[in-house]
Protein backbone atom coordinates (compact mmCIF):
# COMPACT_ATOMS: atom_id res chain seq x y z
CA MET A 1 -3.21 -26.84 20.19
CA GLU A 2 0.33 -28.43 22.14
CA ARG A 3 2.41 -28.63 18.02
CA ILE A 4 2.05 -24.38 17.76
CA GLU A 5 2.43 -24.72 21.73
CA LEU A 6 5.74 -26.53 21.40
CA PHE A 7 6.70 -24.11 18.25
CA ILE A 8 5.95 -20.83 19.95
CA SER A 9 8.15 -22.31 22.98
CA ARG A 10 10.91 -23.17 21.00
CA THR A 11 11.11 -20.09 18.81
CA SER A 12 10.57 -17.66 21.89
CA ALA A 13 13.68 -19.35 23.92
CA LYS A 14 15.25 -19.03 20.48
CA LEU A 15 14.71 -15.16 20.46
CA ALA A 16 15.53 -15.53 24.59
CA TYR A 17 18.85 -16.82 23.90
CA ALA A 18 19.40 -13.96 21.12
CA GLY A 19 19.07 -11.45 24.30
CA ILE A 20 20.69 -13.18 26.38
CA VAL A 21 23.81 -13.17 23.58
CA LEU A 22 22.95 -9.51 23.32
CA LEU A 23 23.11 -8.60 26.79
CA LEU A 24 26.48 -10.37 27.15
CA VAL A 25 27.71 -8.27 24.38
CA GLN A 26 26.42 -5.14 25.69
CA ALA A 27 28.39 -5.94 29.35
CA PHE A 28 31.63 -7.05 27.76
CA LEU A 29 31.22 -3.62 26.10
CA ILE A 30 30.44 -1.96 29.17
CA LEU A 31 33.29 -3.71 30.57
CA ILE A 32 35.63 -2.68 28.09
CA ASP A 33 34.59 0.84 28.03
CA ALA A 34 35.10 1.29 31.77
CA LEU A 35 38.62 -0.59 31.50
CA GLY A 36 39.51 1.68 28.42
CA ARG A 37 38.34 4.64 31.18
CA TRP A 38 40.29 3.42 33.73
CA LEU A 39 43.13 2.33 31.96
CA PHE A 40 43.89 4.73 29.24
CA SER A 41 41.18 7.77 29.62
CA ALA A 42 39.57 6.47 26.23
CA PRO A 43 35.67 5.24 26.36
CA ILE A 44 34.09 3.70 23.79
CA HIS A 45 32.94 6.51 21.48
CA GLY A 46 28.84 6.59 21.24
CA LEU A 47 28.48 3.50 23.79
CA GLU A 48 25.59 5.23 24.80
CA ASP A 49 24.38 4.98 21.70
CA VAL A 50 24.39 1.30 20.72
CA SER A 51 23.88 0.58 24.80
CA SER A 52 19.99 2.45 24.58
CA LEU A 53 19.49 0.56 21.04
CA MET A 54 20.36 -2.72 22.71
CA ILE A 55 18.70 -2.84 25.58
CA VAL A 56 14.98 -1.78 23.85
CA MET A 57 15.36 -5.37 21.85
CA ILE A 58 17.12 -7.28 24.56
CA VAL A 59 14.07 -6.49 26.75
CA ALA A 60 11.66 -7.03 24.08
CA SER A 61 13.06 -10.65 22.72
CA PHE A 62 12.14 -12.30 26.30
CA PHE A 63 8.90 -11.86 26.21
CA PRO A 64 7.63 -14.07 23.81
CA ALA A 65 9.53 -16.66 27.05
CA ILE A 66 7.64 -15.41 29.18
CA LEU A 67 4.74 -14.75 28.47
CA ILE A 68 4.51 -18.60 26.81
CA GLY A 69 5.91 -19.97 29.79
CA ARG A 70 3.38 -18.92 31.48
CA GLN A 71 6.55 -17.23 33.83
CA ASN A 72 4.38 -14.57 35.28
CA ILE A 73 3.59 -13.49 38.35
CA ARG A 74 0.12 -15.11 40.26
CA ALA A 75 -0.86 -14.48 43.56
CA THR A 76 -2.21 -18.04 45.22
CA ILE A 77 -3.75 -16.35 48.70
CA MET A 78 -6.92 -17.23 47.91
CA GLY A 79 -5.57 -20.74 47.26
CA ARG A 80 -6.81 -22.28 50.71
CA ILE A 81 -10.16 -20.44 50.57
CA LEU A 82 -11.47 -20.58 47.30
CA ASN A 83 -12.01 -24.17 45.47
CA GLN A 84 -10.29 -25.16 42.42
CA SER A 85 -12.55 -24.12 39.30
CA VAL A 86 -12.71 -20.86 40.92
CA ILE A 87 -8.74 -20.32 41.24
CA ARG A 88 -8.87 -21.77 37.48
CA TRP A 89 -10.72 -19.07 36.75
CA MET A 90 -8.89 -16.48 38.32
CA ASP A 91 -6.24 -17.66 36.65
CA VAL A 92 -7.80 -17.04 32.97
CA PHE A 93 -8.55 -13.21 34.71
CA GLY A 94 -5.63 -12.83 35.30
CA HIS A 95 -4.02 -14.08 31.20
CA PHE A 96 -6.95 -12.05 30.45
CA ILE A 97 -5.56 -8.90 31.96
CA LEU A 98 -1.90 -9.92 31.18
CA PHE A 99 -3.26 -10.24 27.65
CA VAL A 100 -4.92 -6.64 27.72
CA PHE A 101 -1.72 -5.26 29.19
CA VAL A 102 0.94 -6.58 26.69
CA MET A 103 -1.51 -5.47 23.63
CA THR A 104 -1.65 -1.88 24.95
CA ILE A 105 2.21 -1.99 25.27
CA ALA A 106 2.57 -3.25 22.15
CA TYR A 107 0.04 -0.51 20.24
CA GLN A 108 1.53 2.11 21.96
CA PHE A 109 4.95 0.94 21.38
CA SER A 110 4.22 0.98 17.68
CA ASN A 111 2.53 4.01 17.51
CA TYR A 112 5.68 5.43 19.45
CA THR A 113 8.01 3.74 16.51
CA ILE A 114 6.00 5.28 14.19
CA GLN A 115 6.55 8.34 15.24
CA MET A 116 10.17 8.50 15.52
CA ARG A 117 10.86 6.61 12.47
CA ALA A 118 13.57 8.82 11.43
CA GLN A 119 14.97 9.47 14.47
CA THR A 120 19.05 9.09 15.31
CA THR A 121 21.03 8.69 18.45
CA LEU A 122 22.51 11.54 19.75
CA ILE A 123 26.21 10.72 19.13
CA LEU A 124 27.21 8.57 15.97
CA ARG A 125 23.91 9.75 14.49
CA LEU A 126 22.69 6.14 13.89
CA PRO A 127 18.89 4.91 12.64
CA THR A 128 17.07 4.44 16.12
CA ALA A 129 14.08 2.83 13.43
CA PRO A 130 15.47 -0.74 13.22
CA ALA A 131 15.62 -1.01 16.44
CA MET A 132 12.17 0.09 17.33
CA VAL A 133 10.76 -2.11 14.68
CA MET A 134 12.46 -5.33 15.83
CA SER A 135 11.21 -4.47 19.34
CA ALA A 136 7.77 -3.56 18.57
CA LEU A 137 7.11 -6.56 16.17
CA LEU A 138 8.85 -8.82 19.28
CA LEU A 139 5.71 -7.18 21.04
CA MET A 140 3.19 -7.52 18.89
CA ALA A 141 4.26 -11.05 18.65
CA SER A 142 3.91 -10.83 22.37
CA ALA A 143 0.64 -9.65 22.55
CA PHE A 144 -0.59 -12.93 19.70
CA ILE A 145 1.41 -15.42 22.81
CA GLN A 146 -0.34 -14.09 25.46
CA GLY A 147 -3.78 -14.54 23.34
CA PHE A 148 -3.40 -17.84 22.26
CA VAL A 149 -2.10 -18.38 26.21
CA LEU A 150 -4.97 -17.33 27.26
CA ILE A 151 -7.38 -19.67 24.74
CA THR A 152 -5.77 -22.40 26.18
CA GLU A 153 -6.09 -21.28 29.74
CA ILE A 154 -10.11 -21.36 29.06
CA ARG A 155 -9.60 -24.38 27.36
CA THR A 156 -8.34 -26.19 30.22
CA ALA A 157 -10.87 -24.46 32.77
CA VAL A 158 -13.66 -25.55 30.57
CA SER A 159 -12.47 -28.71 30.01
CA GLN A 160 -11.73 -29.48 33.23
CA LYS A 161 -14.70 -27.79 34.71
CA SER A 162 -16.52 -30.55 32.17
CA ASP A 163 -14.10 -33.73 33.63
CA ARG A 164 -15.96 -32.47 36.86
CA ALA A 165 -18.81 -32.93 35.87
CA LYS A 166 -18.27 -36.13 34.70
CA VAL A 167 -17.30 -37.23 38.15
CA ILE A 168 -20.10 -36.25 39.11
């Protein structure tokens, strides 16, 4: 399981780095567009179209790394009141809810991608399908990653419970 998680983690990090590069490219294009508007009254024609396609892929590229790194929000308000076993199972429940949520997002976005497969951008008439398909695939991979995280968290909760039973 550790080797699988390491592979997923490395691949997810590469996807996140690609998202960062794409974000920097987008920021650079926006800067050039703003300078062009200010200095020459000449914006980059169609930047809105390109930006809208880029932002979808940028956001989707970060999901796998966030999920495999377990960097989602946790509420630890009850940590002092409840024992560690209950807290672990509450974490498992939270990972399950996140799994259902990511599955729903991936499913709905995939349906939207299928419905909009022939759509083009408004100004440049660029096909939106490649960016949408890439984002849908990233979201589907994210759902599988969260499923893997859920399984590992369940295994951890069960093994720590059995370790505690051995001590007693």
